[in-house]
Amino acid sequence: MDFNRTKGLKKDSDFRKVYKHGKSFANKYLVLYILKNKSEYSRVGMSVSKKVGKAVTRNRVRRLIKEVYRLNIDENIEDGYDIVFIARIPSQNAEFKDIQKSVKSLVKKAGICKEIN
């Protein structure tokens, strides 16, 4: 994750904490978990299970989510959150614009963005 203001969420224990204590928001393609993290920066993680497809498909979905986040959300995200995106099975056939719409709507629902274009 080489975003401007966001660090990566890497440890399994961090993911588990977000799942257990965080709030979730969902739509057709993605599930979003958020949790306040008591720091001055936000951290983002992604989870794409084997149910979504083989490695090539999972990596494609992961790249789409990262790119949408980088282009639309990274600059406008509020500080101090752990954010986890989980890809759902329909995301294997999704195009960039579908994932973009999905990410934007989830972030808006969660209320963690200052402004979304």
PDB file of N, CA and C in Angstrom:
ATOM      1  N   MET A   1       0.843  -1.178   0.000  1.00  0.00           N
ATOM      2  CA  MET A   1       0.000   0.000   0.000  1.00  0.00           C
ATOM      3  C   MET A   1       0.882   1.231   0.000  1.00  0.00           C
ATOM      4  N   ASP A   2       0.882   1.912  -1.082  1.00  0.00           N
ATOM      5  CA  ASP A   2       1.720   3.095  -1.171  1.00  0.00           C
ATOM      6  C   ASP A   2       0.835   4.322  -1.356  1.00  0.00           C
ATOM      7  N   PHE A   3      -0.106   4.492  -0.461  1.00  0.00           N
ATOM      8  CA  PHE A   3      -1.012   5.625  -0.536  1.00  0.00           C
ATOM      9  C   PHE A   3      -0.371   6.822   0.150  1.00  0.00           C
ATOM     10  N   ASN A   4      -0.942   7.996  -0.067  1.00  0.00           N
ATOM     11  CA  ASN A   4      -0.386   9.222   0.502  1.00  0.00           C
ATOM     12  C   ASN A   4      -0.517   9.286   2.021  1.00  0.00           C
ATOM     13  N   ARG A   5      -1.723   9.082   2.542  1.00  0.00           N
ATOM     14  CA  ARG A   5      -1.957   9.330   3.947  1.00  0.00           C
ATOM     15  C   ARG A   5      -2.332   8.068   4.714  1.00  0.00           C
ATOM     16  N   THR A   6      -2.386   6.937   4.066  1.00  0.00           N
ATOM     17  CA  THR A   6      -2.911   5.735   4.685  1.00  0.00           C
ATOM     18  C   THR A   6      -1.836   4.667   4.834  1.00  0.00           C
ATOM     19  N   LYS A   7      -1.828   4.038   5.983  1.00  0.00           N
ATOM     20  CA  LYS A   7      -0.925   2.907   6.213  1.00  0.00           C
ATOM     21  C   LYS A   7      -1.690   1.615   5.929  1.00  0.00           C
ATOM     22  N   GLY A   8      -0.957   0.538   5.785  1.00  0.00           N
ATOM     23  CA  GLY A   8      -1.591  -0.753   5.543  1.00  0.00           C
ATOM     24  C   GLY A   8      -1.935  -1.461   6.847  1.00  0.00           C
ATOM     25  N   LEU A   9      -2.984  -2.230   6.804  1.00  0.00           N
ATOM     26  CA  LEU A   9      -3.390  -3.064   7.933  1.00  0.00           C
ATOM     27  C   LEU A   9      -2.880  -4.458   7.596  1.00  0.00           C
ATOM     28  N   LYS A  10      -1.978  -5.011   8.402  1.00  0.00           N
ATOM     29  CA  LYS A  10      -1.312  -6.241   7.990  1.00  0.00           C
ATOM     30  C   LYS A  10      -1.538  -7.440   8.923  1.00  0.00           C
ATOM     31  N   LYS A  11      -1.501  -7.213  10.225  1.00  0.00           N
ATOM     32  CA  LYS A  11      -1.558  -8.327  11.175  1.00  0.00           C
ATOM     33  C   LYS A  11      -2.951  -8.942  11.258  1.00  0.00           C
ATOM     34  N   ASP A  12      -2.979 -10.258  11.384  1.00  0.00           N
ATOM     35  CA  ASP A  12      -4.239 -10.979  11.539  1.00  0.00           C
ATOM     36  C   ASP A  12      -4.994 -10.497  12.775  1.00  0.00           C
ATOM     37  N   SER A  13      -4.254 -10.201  13.840  1.00  0.00           N
ATOM     38  CA  SER A  13      -4.894  -9.743  15.086  1.00  0.00           C
ATOM     39  C   SER A  13      -5.595  -8.403  14.884  1.00  0.00           C
ATOM     40  N   ASP A  14      -5.011  -7.528  14.043  1.00  0.00           N
ATOM     41  CA  ASP A  14      -5.646  -6.241  13.736  1.00  0.00           C
ATOM     42  C   ASP A  14      -6.951  -6.451  12.968  1.00  0.00           C
ATOM     43  N   PHE A  15      -6.909  -7.346  11.982  1.00  0.00           N
ATOM     44  CA  PHE A  15      -8.116  -7.655  11.217  1.00  0.00           C
ATOM     45  C   PHE A  15      -9.207  -8.198  12.146  1.00  0.00           C
ATOM     46  N   ARG A  16      -8.824  -9.139  13.008  1.00  0.00           N
ATOM     47  CA  ARG A  16      -9.800  -9.744  13.930  1.00  0.00           C
ATOM     48  C   ARG A  16     -10.431  -8.705  14.844  1.00  0.00           C
ATOM     49  N   LYS A  17      -9.619  -7.756  15.331  1.00  0.00           N
ATOM     50  CA  LYS A  17     -10.128  -6.700  16.207  1.00  0.00           C
ATOM     51  C   LYS A  17     -11.172  -5.851  15.476  1.00  0.00           C
ATOM     52  N   VAL A  18     -10.886  -5.519  14.213  1.00  0.00           N
ATOM     53  CA  VAL A  18     -11.828  -4.718  13.422  1.00  0.00           C
ATOM     54  C   VAL A  18     -13.128  -5.494  13.196  1.00  0.00           C
ATOM     55  N   TYR A  19     -13.012  -6.792  12.880  1.00  0.00           N
ATOM     56  CA  TYR A  19     -14.209  -7.619  12.672  1.00  0.00           C
ATOM     57  C   TYR A  19     -15.048  -7.708  13.948  1.00  0.00           C
ATOM     58  N   LYS A  20     -14.371  -7.890  15.090  1.00  0.00           N
ATOM     59  CA  LYS A  20     -15.087  -8.122  16.344  1.00  0.00           C
ATOM     60  C   LYS A  20     -15.730  -6.853  16.904  1.00  0.00           C
ATOM     61  N   HIS A  21     -15.004  -5.743  16.854  1.00  0.00           N
ATOM     62  CA  HIS A  21     -15.467  -4.525  17.518  1.00  0.00           C
ATOM     63  C   HIS A  21     -15.952  -3.435  16.567  1.00  0.00           C
ATOM     64  N   GLY A  22     -15.704  -3.601  15.276  1.00  0.00           N
ATOM     65  CA  GLY A  22     -16.030  -2.549  14.325  1.00  0.00           C
ATOM     66  C   GLY A  22     -17.474  -2.578  13.837  1.00  0.00           C
ATOM     67  N   LYS A  23     -17.823  -1.543  13.089  1.00  0.00           N
ATOM     68  CA  LYS A  23     -19.140  -1.468  12.457  1.00  0.00           C
ATOM     69  C   LYS A  23     -19.005  -1.958  11.026  1.00  0.00           C
ATOM     70  N   SER A  24     -20.058  -2.599  10.514  1.00  0.00           N
ATOM     71  CA  SER A  24     -19.976  -3.081   9.139  1.00  0.00           C
ATOM     72  C   SER A  24     -21.055  -2.453   8.268  1.00  0.00           C
ATOM     73  N   PHE A  25     -20.708  -2.296   7.014  1.00  0.00           N
ATOM     74  CA  PHE A  25     -21.611  -1.773   5.991  1.00  0.00           C
ATOM     75  C   PHE A  25     -21.418  -2.663   4.774  1.00  0.00           C
ATOM     76  N   ALA A  26     -22.503  -2.966   4.068  1.00  0.00           N
ATOM     77  CA  ALA A  26     -22.366  -3.911   2.956  1.00  0.00           C
ATOM     78  C   ALA A  26     -23.217  -3.499   1.769  1.00  0.00           C
ATOM     79  N   ASN A  27     -22.796  -3.940   0.593  1.00  0.00           N
ATOM     80  CA  ASN A  27     -23.599  -3.853  -0.616  1.00  0.00           C
ATOM     81  C   ASN A  27     -23.295  -5.080  -1.471  1.00  0.00           C
ATOM     82  N   LYS A  28     -23.682  -5.053  -2.718  1.00  0.00           N
ATOM     83  CA  LYS A  28     -23.576  -6.241  -3.576  1.00  0.00           C
ATOM     84  C   LYS A  28     -22.143  -6.771  -3.713  1.00  0.00           C
ATOM     85  N   TYR A  29     -21.175  -5.889  -3.863  1.00  0.00           N
ATOM     86  CA  TYR A  29     -19.809  -6.307  -4.175  1.00  0.00           C
ATOM     87  C   TYR A  29     -18.858  -6.363  -2.977  1.00  0.00           C
ATOM     88  N   LEU A  30     -19.092  -5.534  -1.976  1.00  0.00           N
ATOM     89  CA  LEU A  30     -18.122  -5.401  -0.884  1.00  0.00           C
ATOM     90  C   LEU A  30     -18.789  -5.308   0.479  1.00  0.00           C
ATOM     91  N   VAL A  31     -18.006  -5.624   1.506  1.00  0.00           N
ATOM     92  CA  VAL A  31     -18.372  -5.354   2.892  1.00  0.00           C
ATOM     93  C   VAL A  31     -17.278  -4.439   3.437  1.00  0.00           C
ATOM     94  N   LEU A  32     -17.665  -3.426   4.199  1.00  0.00           N
ATOM     95  CA  LEU A  32     -16.708  -2.487   4.779  1.00  0.00           C
ATOM     96  C   LEU A  32     -16.830  -2.548   6.295  1.00  0.00           C
ATOM     97  N   TYR A  33     -15.711  -2.759   6.973  1.00  0.00           N
ATOM     98  CA  TYR A  33     -15.658  -2.697   8.433  1.00  0.00           C
ATOM     99  C   TYR A  33     -14.830  -1.484   8.812  1.00  0.00           C
ATOM    100  N   ILE A  34     -15.290  -0.715   9.804  1.00  0.00           N
ATOM    101  CA  ILE A  34     -14.498   0.410  10.300  1.00  0.00           C
ATOM    102  C   ILE A  34     -14.437   0.364  11.820  1.00  0.00           C
ATOM    103  N   LEU A  35     -13.306   0.833  12.348  1.00  0.00           N
ATOM    104  CA  LEU A  35     -13.107   0.883  13.793  1.00  0.00           C
ATOM    105  C   LEU A  35     -12.149   2.023  14.104  1.00  0.00           C
ATOM    106  N   LYS A  36     -12.488   2.837  15.096  1.00  0.00           N
ATOM    107  CA  LYS A  36     -11.573   3.898  15.535  1.00  0.00           C
ATOM    108  C   LYS A  36     -10.293   3.248  16.051  1.00  0.00           C
ATOM    109  N   ASN A  37      -9.117   3.833  15.708  1.00  0.00           N
ATOM    110  CA  ASN A  37      -7.871   3.183  16.116  1.00  0.00           C
ATOM    111  C   ASN A  37      -6.963   4.001  17.037  1.00  0.00           C
ATOM    112  N   LYS A  38      -7.424   5.122  17.539  1.00  0.00           N
ATOM    113  CA  LYS A  38      -6.675   5.934  18.509  1.00  0.00           C
ATOM    114  C   LYS A  38      -5.292   6.362  18.021  1.00  0.00           C
ATOM    115  N   SER A  39      -5.150   6.603  16.717  1.00  0.00           N
ATOM    116  CA  SER A  39      -3.880   7.127  16.206  1.00  0.00           C
ATOM    117  C   SER A  39      -4.169   8.278  15.244  1.00  0.00           C
ATOM    118  N   GLU A  40      -3.117   8.921  14.768  1.00  0.00           N
ATOM    119  CA  GLU A  40      -3.305  10.085  13.911  1.00  0.00           C
ATOM    120  C   GLU A  40      -3.385   9.738  12.428  1.00  0.00           C
ATOM    121  N   TYR A  41      -3.409   8.458  12.105  1.00  0.00           N
ATOM    122  CA  TYR A  41      -3.540   8.059  10.710  1.00  0.00           C
ATOM    123  C   TYR A  41      -4.513   6.893  10.582  1.00  0.00           C
ATOM    124  N   SER A  42      -5.015   6.698   9.378  1.00  0.00           N
ATOM    125  CA  SER A  42      -5.918   5.573   9.121  1.00  0.00           C
ATOM    126  C   SER A  42      -5.135   4.428   8.493  1.00  0.00           C
ATOM    127  N   ARG A  43      -5.626   3.211   8.718  1.00  0.00           N
ATOM    128  CA  ARG A  43      -5.008   2.022   8.130  1.00  0.00           C
ATOM    129  C   ARG A  43      -6.062   1.269   7.331  1.00  0.00           C
ATOM    130  N   VAL A  44      -5.664   0.745   6.174  1.00  0.00           N
ATOM    131  CA  VAL A  44      -6.600   0.037   5.307  1.00  0.00           C
ATOM    132  C   VAL A  44      -6.107  -1.376   5.044  1.00  0.00           C
ATOM    133  N   GLY A  45      -7.035  -2.325   5.054  1.00  0.00           N
ATOM    134  CA  GLY A  45      -6.729  -3.698   4.714  1.00  0.00           C
ATOM    135  C   GLY A  45      -7.784  -4.236   3.763  1.00  0.00           C
ATOM    136  N   MET A  46      -7.424  -5.270   3.030  1.00  0.00           N
ATOM    137  CA  MET A  46      -8.352  -5.893   2.094  1.00  0.00           C
ATOM    138  C   MET A  46      -8.333  -7.397   2.278  1.00  0.00           C
ATOM    139  N   SER A  47      -9.495  -7.998   2.104  1.00  0.00           N
ATOM    140  CA  SER A  47      -9.609  -9.446   2.228  1.00  0.00           C
ATOM    141  C   SER A  47     -10.418  -9.954   1.040  1.00  0.00           C
ATOM    142  N   VAL A  48      -9.808 -10.859   0.287  1.00  0.00           N
ATOM    143  CA  VAL A  48     -10.492 -11.468  -0.856  1.00  0.00           C
ATOM    144  C   VAL A  48     -10.342 -12.975  -0.694  1.00  0.00           C
ATOM    145  N   SER A  49     -11.427 -13.652  -0.351  1.00  0.00           N
ATOM    146  CA  SER A  49     -11.342 -15.080  -0.049  1.00  0.00           C
ATOM    147  C   SER A  49     -11.270 -15.932  -1.317  1.00  0.00           C
ATOM    148  N   LYS A  50     -10.959 -17.200  -1.131  1.00  0.00           N
ATOM    149  CA  LYS A  50     -10.857 -18.124  -2.260  1.00  0.00           C
ATOM    150  C   LYS A  50     -12.209 -18.376  -2.919  1.00  0.00           C
ATOM    151  N   LYS A  51     -13.290 -18.043  -2.220  1.00  0.00           N
ATOM    152  CA  LYS A  51     -14.625 -18.183  -2.800  1.00  0.00           C
ATOM    153  C   LYS A  51     -14.804 -17.254  -3.995  1.00  0.00           C
ATOM    154  N   VAL A  52     -14.067 -16.144  -3.999  1.00  0.00           N
ATOM    155  CA  VAL A  52     -14.176 -15.160  -5.087  1.00  0.00           C
ATOM    156  C   VAL A  52     -13.608 -15.713  -6.385  1.00  0.00           C
ATOM    157  N   GLY A  53     -12.588 -16.545  -6.289  1.00  0.00           N
ATOM    158  CA  GLY A  53     -12.004 -17.126  -7.495  1.00  0.00           C
ATOM    159  C   GLY A  53     -10.571 -17.551  -7.266  1.00  0.00           C
ATOM    160  N   LYS A  54      -9.924 -17.920  -8.360  1.00  0.00           N
ATOM    161  CA  LYS A  54      -8.520 -18.325  -8.286  1.00  0.00           C
ATOM    162  C   LYS A  54      -7.650 -17.089  -8.076  1.00  0.00           C
ATOM    163  N   ALA A  55      -6.350 -17.301  -7.913  1.00  0.00           N
ATOM    164  CA  ALA A  55      -5.423 -16.230  -7.546  1.00  0.00           C
ATOM    165  C   ALA A  55      -5.474 -15.037  -8.499  1.00  0.00           C
ATOM    166  N   VAL A  56      -5.565 -15.297  -9.794  1.00  0.00           N
ATOM    167  CA  VAL A  56      -5.577 -14.207 -10.779  1.00  0.00           C
ATOM    168  C   VAL A  56      -6.802 -13.323 -10.560  1.00  0.00           C
ATOM    169  N   THR A  57      -7.943 -13.940 -10.344  1.00  0.00           N
ATOM    170  CA  THR A  57      -9.186 -13.198 -10.113  1.00  0.00           C
ATOM    171  C   THR A  57      -9.119 -12.418  -8.807  1.00  0.00           C
ATOM    172  N   ARG A  58      -8.645 -13.067  -7.752  1.00  0.00           N
ATOM    173  CA  ARG A  58      -8.554 -12.396  -6.446  1.00  0.00           C
ATOM    174  C   ARG A  58      -7.618 -11.194  -6.512  1.00  0.00           C
ATOM    175  N   ASN A  59      -6.485 -11.351  -7.175  1.00  0.00           N
ATOM    176  CA  ASN A  59      -5.545 -10.243  -7.295  1.00  0.00           C
ATOM    177  C   ASN A  59      -6.124  -9.103  -8.114  1.00  0.00           C
ATOM    178  N   ARG A  60      -6.895  -9.425  -9.152  1.00  0.00           N
ATOM    179  CA  ARG A  60      -7.544  -8.396  -9.973  1.00  0.00           C
ATOM    180  C   ARG A  60      -8.529  -7.590  -9.119  1.00  0.00           C
ATOM    181  N   VAL A  61      -9.334  -8.285  -8.334  1.00  0.00           N
ATOM    182  CA  VAL A  61     -10.307  -7.617  -7.460  1.00  0.00           C
ATOM    183  C   VAL A  61      -9.574  -6.745  -6.439  1.00  0.00           C
ATOM    184  N   ARG A  62      -8.510  -7.261  -5.853  1.00  0.00           N
ATOM    185  CA  ARG A  62      -7.716  -6.500  -4.883  1.00  0.00           C
ATOM    186  C   ARG A  62      -7.143  -5.234  -5.519  1.00  0.00           C
ATOM    187  N   ARG A  63      -6.613  -5.367  -6.732  1.00  0.00           N
ATOM    188  CA  ARG A  63      -6.059  -4.197  -7.433  1.00  0.00           C
ATOM    189  C   ARG A  63      -7.137  -3.159  -7.726  1.00  0.00           C
ATOM    190  N   LEU A  64      -8.325  -3.614  -8.112  1.00  0.00           N
ATOM    191  CA  LEU A  64      -9.432  -2.686  -8.385  1.00  0.00           C
ATOM    192  C   LEU A  64      -9.801  -1.895  -7.130  1.00  0.00           C
ATOM    193  N   ILE A  65      -9.927  -2.595  -6.010  1.00  0.00           N
ATOM    194  CA  ILE A  65     -10.296  -1.919  -4.757  1.00  0.00           C
ATOM    195  C   ILE A  65      -9.220  -0.904  -4.369  1.00  0.00           C
ATOM    196  N   LYS A  66      -7.951  -1.321  -4.446  1.00  0.00           N
ATOM    197  CA  LYS A  66      -6.839  -0.417  -4.116  1.00  0.00           C
ATOM    198  C   LYS A  66      -6.852   0.837  -4.976  1.00  0.00           C
ATOM    199  N   GLU A  67      -7.059   0.652  -6.282  1.00  0.00           N
ATOM    200  CA  GLU A  67      -7.023   1.784  -7.202  1.00  0.00           C
ATOM    201  C   GLU A  67      -8.186   2.741  -6.954  1.00  0.00           C
ATOM    202  N   VAL A  68      -9.359   2.204  -6.732  1.00  0.00           N
ATOM    203  CA  VAL A  68     -10.515   3.050  -6.422  1.00  0.00           C
ATOM    204  C   VAL A  68     -10.257   3.830  -5.144  1.00  0.00           C
ATOM    205  N   TYR A  69      -9.733   3.156  -4.134  1.00  0.00           N
ATOM    206  CA  TYR A  69      -9.434   3.819  -2.870  1.00  0.00           C
ATOM    207  C   TYR A  69      -8.398   4.930  -3.078  1.00  0.00           C
ATOM    208  N   ARG A  70      -7.344   4.603  -3.813  1.00  0.00           N
ATOM    209  CA  ARG A  70      -6.273   5.573  -4.043  1.00  0.00           C
ATOM    210  C   ARG A  70      -6.774   6.807  -4.777  1.00  0.00           C
ATOM    211  N   LEU A  71      -7.583   6.606  -5.806  1.00  0.00           N
ATOM    212  CA  LEU A  71      -8.051   7.719  -6.637  1.00  0.00           C
ATOM    213  C   LEU A  71      -9.128   8.566  -5.971  1.00  0.00           C
ATOM    214  N   ASN A  72     -10.012   7.936  -5.217  1.00  0.00           N
ATOM    215  CA  ASN A  72     -11.200   8.641  -4.741  1.00  0.00           C
ATOM    216  C   ASN A  72     -11.249   8.929  -3.250  1.00  0.00           C
ATOM    217  N   ILE A  73     -10.677   8.061  -2.452  1.00  0.00           N
ATOM    218  CA  ILE A  73     -10.933   8.118  -1.013  1.00  0.00           C
ATOM    219  C   ILE A  73      -9.725   8.580  -0.203  1.00  0.00           C
ATOM    220  N   ASP A  74      -8.538   8.164  -0.564  1.00  0.00           N
ATOM    221  CA  ASP A  74      -7.334   8.346   0.255  1.00  0.00           C
ATOM    222  C   ASP A  74      -7.149   9.771   0.772  1.00  0.00           C
ATOM    223  N   GLU A  75      -7.292  10.754  -0.079  1.00  0.00           N
ATOM    224  CA  GLU A  75      -7.072  12.156   0.312  1.00  0.00           C
ATOM    225  C   GLU A  75      -8.147  12.662   1.267  1.00  0.00           C
ATOM    226  N   ASN A  76      -9.350  12.110   1.171  1.00  0.00           N
ATOM    227  CA  ASN A  76     -10.494  12.656   1.902  1.00  0.00           C
ATOM    228  C   ASN A  76     -10.876  11.882   3.153  1.00  0.00           C
ATOM    229  N   ILE A  77     -10.147  10.829   3.454  1.00  0.00           N
ATOM    230  CA  ILE A  77     -10.524   9.977   4.585  1.00  0.00           C
ATOM    231  C   ILE A  77     -10.192  10.675   5.907  1.00  0.00           C
ATOM    232  N   GLU A  78     -11.063  10.504   6.877  1.00  0.00           N
ATOM    233  CA  GLU A  78     -10.786  11.057   8.205  1.00  0.00           C
ATOM    234  C   GLU A  78      -9.695  10.221   8.870  1.00  0.00           C
ATOM    235  N   ASP A  79      -8.893  10.866   9.694  1.00  0.00           N
ATOM    236  CA  ASP A  79      -7.793  10.173  10.373  1.00  0.00           C
ATOM    237  C   ASP A  79      -8.314   9.348  11.546  1.00  0.00           C
ATOM    238  N   GLY A  80      -7.573   8.299  11.871  1.00  0.00           N
ATOM    239  CA  GLY A  80      -7.854   7.538  13.075  1.00  0.00           C
ATOM    240  C   GLY A  80      -8.810   6.374  12.917  1.00  0.00           C
ATOM    241  N   TYR A  81      -8.853   5.757  11.741  1.00  0.00           N
ATOM    242  CA  TYR A  81      -9.720   4.602  11.524  1.00  0.00           C
ATOM    243  C   TYR A  81      -8.935   3.411  10.998  1.00  0.00           C
ATOM    244  N   ASP A  82      -9.353   2.212  11.392  1.00  0.00           N
ATOM    245  CA  ASP A  82      -8.920   0.984  10.741  1.00  0.00           C
ATOM    246  C   ASP A  82     -10.057   0.600   9.811  1.00  0.00           C
ATOM    247  N   ILE A  83      -9.743   0.383   8.550  1.00  0.00           N
ATOM    248  CA  ILE A  83     -10.752   0.131   7.526  1.00  0.00           C
ATOM    249  C   ILE A  83     -10.420  -1.190   6.839  1.00  0.00           C
ATOM    250  N   VAL A  84     -11.412  -2.071   6.730  1.00  0.00           N
ATOM    251  CA  VAL A  84     -11.211  -3.346   6.047  1.00  0.00           C
ATOM    252  C   VAL A  84     -12.280  -3.506   4.970  1.00  0.00           C
ATOM    253  N   PHE A  85     -11.825  -3.757   3.752  1.00  0.00           N
ATOM    254  CA  PHE A  85     -12.730  -4.073   2.649  1.00  0.00           C
ATOM    255  C   PHE A  85     -12.705  -5.580   2.436  1.00  0.00           C
ATOM    256  N   ILE A  86     -13.875  -6.190   2.371  1.00  0.00           N
ATOM    257  CA  ILE A  86     -13.980  -7.616   2.089  1.00  0.00           C
ATOM    258  C   ILE A  86     -14.743  -7.776   0.783  1.00  0.00           C
ATOM    259  N   ALA A  87     -14.129  -8.468  -0.162  1.00  0.00           N
ATOM    260  CA  ALA A  87     -14.763  -8.685  -1.463  1.00  0.00           C
ATOM    261  C   ALA A  87     -15.783  -9.805  -1.358  1.00  0.00           C
ATOM    262  N   ARG A  88     -16.943  -9.587  -1.942  1.00  0.00           N
ATOM    263  CA  ARG A  88     -17.965 -10.635  -2.001  1.00  0.00           C
ATOM    264  C   ARG A  88     -17.854 -11.362  -3.334  1.00  0.00           C
ATOM    265  N   ILE A  89     -18.496 -12.518  -3.431  1.00  0.00           N
ATOM    266  CA  ILE A  89     -18.382 -13.360  -4.620  1.00  0.00           C
ATOM    267  C   ILE A  89     -18.742 -12.631  -5.932  1.00  0.00           C
ATOM    268  N   PRO A  90     -19.815 -11.813  -5.974  1.00  0.00           N
ATOM    269  CA  PRO A  90     -20.133 -11.131  -7.243  1.00  0.00           C
ATOM    270  C   PRO A  90     -19.029 -10.192  -7.748  1.00  0.00           C
ATOM    271  N   SER A  91     -18.094  -9.802  -6.872  1.00  0.00           N
ATOM    272  CA  SER A  91     -17.028  -8.886  -7.288  1.00  0.00           C
ATOM    273  C   SER A  91     -16.094  -9.507  -8.318  1.00  0.00           C
ATOM    274  N   GLN A  92     -16.113 -10.841  -8.449  1.00  0.00           N
ATOM    275  CA  GLN A  92     -15.224 -11.490  -9.417  1.00  0.00           C
ATOM    276  C   GLN A  92     -15.539 -11.068 -10.851  1.00  0.00           C
ATOM    277  N   ASN A  93     -16.783 -10.696 -11.115  1.00  0.00           N
ATOM    278  CA  ASN A  93     -17.174 -10.276 -12.457  1.00  0.00           C
ATOM    279  C   ASN A  93     -17.346  -8.768 -12.578  1.00  0.00           C
ATOM    280  N   ALA A  94     -17.046  -8.040 -11.519  1.00  0.00           N
ATOM    281  CA  ALA A  94     -17.272  -6.596 -11.498  1.00  0.00           C
ATOM    282  C   ALA A  94     -16.220  -5.863 -12.320  1.00  0.00           C
ATOM    283  N   GLU A  95     -16.649  -4.743 -12.887  1.00  0.00           N
ATOM    284  CA  GLU A  95     -15.734  -3.863 -13.604  1.00  0.00           C
ATOM    285  C   GLU A  95     -15.310  -2.745 -12.665  1.00  0.00           C
ATOM    286  N   PHE A  96     -14.369  -1.933 -13.126  1.00  0.00           N
ATOM    287  CA  PHE A  96     -13.842  -0.830 -12.316  1.00  0.00           C
ATOM    288  C   PHE A  96     -14.957   0.076 -11.829  1.00  0.00           C
ATOM    289  N   LYS A  97     -15.858   0.456 -12.724  1.00  0.00           N
ATOM    290  CA  LYS A  97     -16.925   1.394 -12.347  1.00  0.00           C
ATOM    291  C   LYS A  97     -17.864   0.807 -11.296  1.00  0.00           C
ATOM    292  N   ASP A  98     -18.073  -0.510 -11.330  1.00  0.00           N
ATOM    293  CA  ASP A  98     -18.917  -1.161 -10.325  1.00  0.00           C
ATOM    294  C   ASP A  98     -18.275  -1.090  -8.940  1.00  0.00           C
ATOM    295  N   ILE A  99     -16.985  -1.409  -8.897  1.00  0.00           N
ATOM    296  CA  ILE A  99     -16.254  -1.366  -7.625  1.00  0.00           C
ATOM    297  C   ILE A  99     -16.171   0.078  -7.127  1.00  0.00           C
ATOM    298  N   GLN A 100     -15.965   1.010  -8.046  1.00  0.00           N
ATOM    299  CA  GLN A 100     -15.877   2.426  -7.679  1.00  0.00           C
ATOM    300  C   GLN A 100     -17.174   2.893  -7.014  1.00  0.00           C
ATOM    301  N   LYS A 101     -18.293   2.574  -7.631  1.00  0.00           N
ATOM    302  CA  LYS A 101     -19.602   2.942  -7.096  1.00  0.00           C
ATOM    303  C   LYS A 101     -19.806   2.295  -5.723  1.00  0.00           C
ATOM    304  N   SER A 102     -19.408   1.043  -5.610  1.00  0.00           N
ATOM    305  CA  SER A 102     -19.561   0.283  -4.380  1.00  0.00           C
ATOM    306  C   SER A 102     -18.738   0.888  -3.235  1.00  0.00           C
ATOM    307  N   VAL A 103     -17.467   1.169  -3.494  1.00  0.00           N
ATOM    308  CA  VAL A 103     -16.582   1.737  -2.470  1.00  0.00           C
ATOM    309  C   VAL A 103     -17.095   3.104  -2.033  1.00  0.00           C
ATOM    310  N   LYS A 104     -17.452   3.942  -2.996  1.00  0.00           N
ATOM    311  CA  LYS A 104     -17.940   5.287  -2.664  1.00  0.00           C
ATOM    312  C   LYS A 104     -19.199   5.232  -1.806  1.00  0.00           C
ATOM    313  N   SER A 105     -20.125   4.358  -2.163  1.00  0.00           N
ATOM    314  CA  SER A 105     -21.374   4.287  -1.394  1.00  0.00           C
ATOM    315  C   SER A 105     -21.128   3.774   0.029  1.00  0.00           C
ATOM    316  N   LEU A 106     -20.225   2.804   0.180  1.00  0.00           N
ATOM    317  CA  LEU A 106     -19.927   2.277   1.512  1.00  0.00           C
ATOM    318  C   LEU A 106     -19.244   3.318   2.395  1.00  0.00           C
ATOM    319  N   VAL A 107     -18.297   4.046   1.831  1.00  0.00           N
ATOM    320  CA  VAL A 107     -17.587   5.073   2.603  1.00  0.00           C
ATOM    321  C   VAL A 107     -18.555   6.183   3.001  1.00  0.00           C
ATOM    322  N   LYS A 108     -19.459   6.524   2.090  1.00  0.00           N
ATOM    323  CA  LYS A 108     -20.464   7.544   2.388  1.00  0.00           C
ATOM    324  C   LYS A 108     -21.396   7.056   3.499  1.00  0.00           C
ATOM    325  N   LYS A 109     -21.837   5.785   3.421  1.00  0.00           N
ATOM    326  CA  LYS A 109     -22.694   5.193   4.454  1.00  0.00           C
ATOM    327  C   LYS A 109     -22.008   5.218   5.811  1.00  0.00           C
ATOM    328  N   ALA A 110     -20.715   4.905   5.804  1.00  0.00           N
ATOM    329  CA  ALA A 110     -19.949   4.831   7.056  1.00  0.00           C
ATOM    330  C   ALA A 110     -19.674   6.206   7.629  1.00  0.00           C
ATOM    331  N   GLY A 111     -19.707   7.233   6.789  1.00  0.00           N
ATOM    332  CA  GLY A 111     -19.467   8.602   7.271  1.00  0.00           C
ATOM    333  C   GLY A 111     -18.035   8.881   7.670  1.00  0.00           C
ATOM    334  N   ILE A 112     -17.071   8.261   7.001  1.00  0.00           N
ATOM    335  CA  ILE A 112     -15.663   8.446   7.363  1.00  0.00           C
ATOM    336  C   ILE A 112     -14.906   9.309   6.361  1.00  0.00           C
ATOM    337  N   CYS A 113     -15.623   9.898   5.423  1.00  0.00           N
ATOM    338  CA  CYS A 113     -14.983  10.690   4.385  1.00  0.00           C
ATOM    339  C   CYS A 113     -15.400  12.149   4.506  1.00  0.00           C
ATOM    340  N   LYS A 114     -14.443  13.051   4.352  1.00  0.00           N
ATOM    341  CA  LYS A 114     -14.742  14.475   4.416  1.00  0.00           C
ATOM    342  C   LYS A 114     -15.596  14.904   3.235  1.00  0.00           C
ATOM    343  N   GLU A 115     -15.190  14.491   2.041  1.00  0.00           N
ATOM    344  CA  GLU A 115     -15.960  14.778   0.830  1.00  0.00           C
ATOM    345  C   GLU A 115     -15.598  13.769  -0.248  1.00  0.00           C
ATOM    346  N   ILE A 116     -16.593  13.380  -1.042  1.00  0.00           N
ATOM    347  CA  ILE A 116     -16.362  12.448  -2.142  1.00  0.00           C
ATOM    348  C   ILE A 116     -16.797  13.122  -3.422  1.00  0.00           C
ATOM    349  N   ASN A 117     -15.910  13.068  -4.432  1.00  0.00           N
ATOM    350  CA  ASN A 117     -16.260  13.707  -5.703  1.00  0.00           C
ATOM    351  C   ASN A 117     -17.171  12.842  -6.520  1.00  0.00           C
TER     352      ASN A 117
END
